[in-house]
C-alpha atoms as a PDB file:
ATOM      1  CA  MET A   1      18.176  38.648 -15.049  1.00  0.00           C
ATOM      2  CA  GLN A   2      16.331  35.804 -16.836  1.00  0.00           C
ATOM      3  CA  ARG A   3      18.634  33.430 -14.883  1.00  0.00           C
ATOM      4  CA  ILE A   4      17.521  34.857 -11.538  1.00  0.00           C
ATOM      5  CA  ILE A   5      13.899  34.592 -12.647  1.00  0.00           C
ATOM      6  CA  ALA A   6      14.361  30.937 -13.669  1.00  0.00           C
ATOM      7  CA  LEU A   7      16.100  30.023 -10.422  1.00  0.00           C
ATOM      8  CA  ALA A   8      13.444  31.742  -8.354  1.00  0.00           C
ATOM      9  CA  GLY A   9      10.752  29.848 -10.324  1.00  0.00           C
ATOM     10  CA  LEU A  10      12.638  26.557  -9.579  1.00  0.00           C
ATOM     11  CA  LEU A  11      12.962  27.409  -5.840  1.00  0.00           C
ATOM     12  CA  ALA A  12       9.229  28.056  -5.530  1.00  0.00           C
ATOM     13  CA  LEU A  13       8.378  24.829  -7.249  1.00  0.00           C
ATOM     14  CA  ALA A  14      10.650  23.021  -4.760  1.00  0.00           C
ATOM     15  CA  VAL A  15       9.054  24.724  -1.820  1.00  0.00           C
ATOM     16  CA  ILE A  16       5.535  24.000  -3.131  1.00  0.00           C
ATOM     17  CA  THR A  17       6.171  20.209  -4.011  1.00  0.00           C
ATOM     18  CA  GLY A  18       8.421  19.505  -1.042  1.00  0.00           C
ATOM     19  CA  PRO A  19      11.527  17.244  -1.052  1.00  0.00           C
ATOM     20  CA  PRO A  20      11.850  14.595  -3.845  1.00  0.00           C
ATOM     21  CA  ALA A  21      11.601  11.766  -1.270  1.00  0.00           C
ATOM     22  CA  ALA A  22       8.026  12.923  -0.232  1.00  0.00           C
ATOM     23  CA  VAL A  23       6.851  13.042  -3.921  1.00  0.00           C
ATOM     24  CA  ALA A  24       8.370   9.711  -5.082  1.00  0.00           C
ATOM     25  CA  ALA A  25       6.035   6.645  -4.733  1.00  0.00           C
ATOM     26  CA  SER A  26       6.919   4.077  -2.141  1.00  0.00           C
ATOM     27  CA  SER A  27       8.132   0.708  -3.519  1.00  0.00           C
ATOM     28  CA  PHE A  28       5.742  -2.052  -3.784  1.00  0.00           C
ATOM     29  CA  PRO A  29       6.132  -4.432  -0.763  1.00  0.00           C
ATOM     30  CA  ALA A  30       7.402  -8.022  -1.247  1.00  0.00           C
ATOM     31  CA  PHE A  31       5.673 -10.227   1.279  1.00  0.00           C
ATOM     32  CA  ASP A  32       6.298 -14.011   2.036  1.00  0.00           C
ATOM     33  CA  THR A  33       2.805 -15.178   2.422  1.00  0.00           C
ATOM     34  CA  ARG A  34       3.670 -18.706   2.794  1.00  0.00           C
ATOM     35  CA  PRO A  35       3.587 -18.642   6.625  1.00  0.00           C
ATOM     36  CA  THR A  36       0.347 -16.735   6.405  1.00  0.00           C
ATOM     37  CA  CYS A  37      -1.188 -19.534   4.345  1.00  0.00           C
ATOM     38  CA  ALA A  38       0.370 -22.319   6.335  1.00  0.00           C
ATOM     39  CA  ASP A  39      -2.024 -21.486   9.041  1.00  0.00           C
ATOM     40  CA  ALA A  40      -4.887 -22.685   6.846  1.00  0.00           C
ATOM     41  CA  ALA A  41      -3.207 -26.139   6.974  1.00  0.00           C
ATOM     42  CA  ALA A  42      -3.640 -26.149  10.772  1.00  0.00           C
ATOM     43  CA  GLY A  43      -7.404 -26.796  10.384  1.00  0.00           C
ATOM     44  CA  ILE A  44      -8.613 -23.181  10.950  1.00  0.00           C
ATOM     45  CA  SER A  45     -11.379 -23.767   8.547  1.00  0.00           C
ATOM     46  CA  VAL A  46     -12.682 -26.587   6.446  1.00  0.00           C
ATOM     47  CA  THR A  47     -13.137 -24.339   3.412  1.00  0.00           C
ATOM     48  CA  ARG A  48      -9.937 -22.365   3.829  1.00  0.00           C
ATOM     49  CA  THR A  49      -7.059 -24.394   2.255  1.00  0.00           C
ATOM     50  CA  VAL A  50      -3.528 -23.621   1.692  1.00  0.00           C
ATOM     51  CA  GLU A  51      -4.249 -23.336  -2.093  1.00  0.00           C
ATOM     52  CA  ARG A  52      -7.307 -21.039  -1.677  1.00  0.00           C
ATOM     53  CA  CYS A  53      -5.193 -18.812   0.690  1.00  0.00           C
ATOM     54  CA  GLN A  54      -2.431 -18.687  -1.847  1.00  0.00           C
ATOM     55  CA  GLU A  55      -4.952 -17.752  -4.606  1.00  0.00           C
ATOM     56  CA  SER A  56      -6.474 -14.991  -2.467  1.00  0.00           C
ATOM     57  CA  GLU A  57      -2.994 -13.529  -1.669  1.00  0.00           C
ATOM     58  CA  GLN A  58      -2.053 -13.599  -5.430  1.00  0.00           C
ATOM     59  CA  GLN A  59      -5.363 -12.013  -6.400  1.00  0.00           C
ATOM     60  CA  ALA A  60      -4.798  -9.388  -3.624  1.00  0.00           C
ATOM     61  CA  ARG A  61      -1.204  -8.798  -4.803  1.00  0.00           C
ATOM     62  CA  ASP A  62      -2.369  -8.404  -8.509  1.00  0.00           C
ATOM     63  CA  SER A  63      -4.979  -5.904  -7.507  1.00  0.00           C
ATOM     64  CA  LEU A  64      -2.616  -3.935  -5.266  1.00  0.00           C
ATOM     65  CA  ALA A  65       0.007  -3.871  -8.076  1.00  0.00           C
ATOM     66  CA  SER A  66      -2.413  -2.453 -10.597  1.00  0.00           C
ATOM     67  CA  GLN A  67      -3.672   0.239  -7.973  1.00  0.00           C
ATOM     68  CA  TRP A  68      -0.495   1.005  -6.195  1.00  0.00           C
ATOM     69  CA  SER A  69       0.143   4.366  -7.684  1.00  0.00           C
ATOM     70  CA  SER A  70      -3.405   5.540  -6.780  1.00  0.00           C
ATOM     71  CA  PHE A  71      -2.931   5.176  -3.050  1.00  0.00           C
ATOM     72  CA  SER A  72      -1.018   7.878  -0.993  1.00  0.00           C
ATOM     73  CA  THR A  73       2.526   7.173  -0.007  1.00  0.00           C
ATOM     74  CA  ALA A  74       1.773   7.722   3.745  1.00  0.00           C
ATOM     75  CA  ASP A  75      -1.158   5.385   3.571  1.00  0.00           C
ATOM     76  CA  GLU A  76       1.007   2.768   1.665  1.00  0.00           C
ATOM     77  CA  ALA A  77       3.746   2.904   4.329  1.00  0.00           C
ATOM     78  CA  ASN A  78       1.321   2.795   7.244  1.00  0.00           C
ATOM     79  CA  CYS A  79      -0.781   0.014   5.938  1.00  0.00           C
ATOM     80  CA  ALA A  80       2.286  -2.003   5.117  1.00  0.00           C
ATOM     81  CA  ALA A  81       3.661  -1.510   8.548  1.00  0.00           C
ATOM     82  CA  GLU A  82       0.543  -2.388  10.075  1.00  0.00           C
ATOM     83  CA  THR A  83       0.044  -5.687   8.260  1.00  0.00           C
ATOM     84  CA  ARG A  84       3.437  -6.732   9.541  1.00  0.00           C
ATOM     85  CA  ILE A  85       2.386  -6.243  13.301  1.00  0.00           C
ATOM     86  CA  GLY A  86       1.649  -9.242  15.395  1.00  0.00           C
ATOM     87  CA  GLY A  87       1.931 -11.943  12.551  1.00  0.00           C
ATOM     88  CA  PHE A  88       2.716 -12.631   9.057  1.00  0.00           C
ATOM     89  CA  PRO A  89       2.230 -10.034   6.424  1.00  0.00           C
ATOM     90  CA  SER A  90      -0.646 -10.559   3.933  1.00  0.00           C
ATOM     91  CA  TYR A  91      -1.567  -8.780   0.664  1.00  0.00           C
ATOM     92  CA  VAL A  92      -5.121  -9.309   1.603  1.00  0.00           C
ATOM     93  CA  GLN A  93      -4.688  -7.316   4.739  1.00  0.00           C
ATOM     94  CA  LEU A  94      -2.798  -4.617   3.010  1.00  0.00           C
ATOM     95  CA  LEU A  95      -5.268  -4.245   0.243  1.00  0.00           C
ATOM     96  CA  THR A  96      -8.248  -4.124   2.694  1.00  0.00           C
ATOM     97  CA  CYS A  97      -6.366  -1.331   4.780  1.00  0.00           C
ATOM     98  CA  LEU A  98      -5.761   0.760   1.708  1.00  0.00           C
ATOM     99  CA  GLU A  99      -9.272   0.420   0.442  1.00  0.00           C
ATOM    100  CA  MET A 100     -10.835   1.278   3.867  1.00  0.00           C
ATOM    101  CA  ILE A 101      -8.721   4.482   4.087  1.00  0.00           C
ATOM    102  CA  ARG A 102      -9.575   5.457   0.493  1.00  0.00           C
ATOM    103  CA  ASP A 103     -13.362   4.713   1.032  1.00  0.00           C
ATOM    104  CA  ALA A 104     -13.440   6.522   4.295  1.00  0.00           C
ATOM    105  CA  ARG A 105     -11.911   9.680   2.668  1.00  0.00           C
ATOM    106  CA  SER A 106     -14.639   9.595  -0.101  1.00  0.00           C
ATOM    107  CA  LEU A 107     -17.500   9.500   2.217  1.00  0.00           C
ATOM    108  CA  LYS A 108     -19.572  12.647   2.315  1.00  0.00           C
ATOM    109  CA  LEU A 109     -20.533  13.704   5.730  1.00  0.00           C
ATOM    110  CA  ASP A 110     -23.639  15.950   6.269  1.00  0.00           C
END
């Protein structure tokens, strides 16, 4: 009898939490940002150099790495896919996307 109750409890927990894949955090993306920063060398801006671009990308990557588990898996997947559309991926774009979604959810509407 106790075994049946324990199995029922485990089944209820599985139904509530959903499949394990949905609960597990998505893996942190690995972007090659060299092509993104190479555009800076094409003279897009006098102040935007390849070195500054690489620094910005590294800072964004570090920030993302420290916050990654605080974002929802769905938001991570959507923003990572979005940043790959139409160009070279960027940690700055990914971080901006995730922060905008998070901040929009925290807004209190009257």
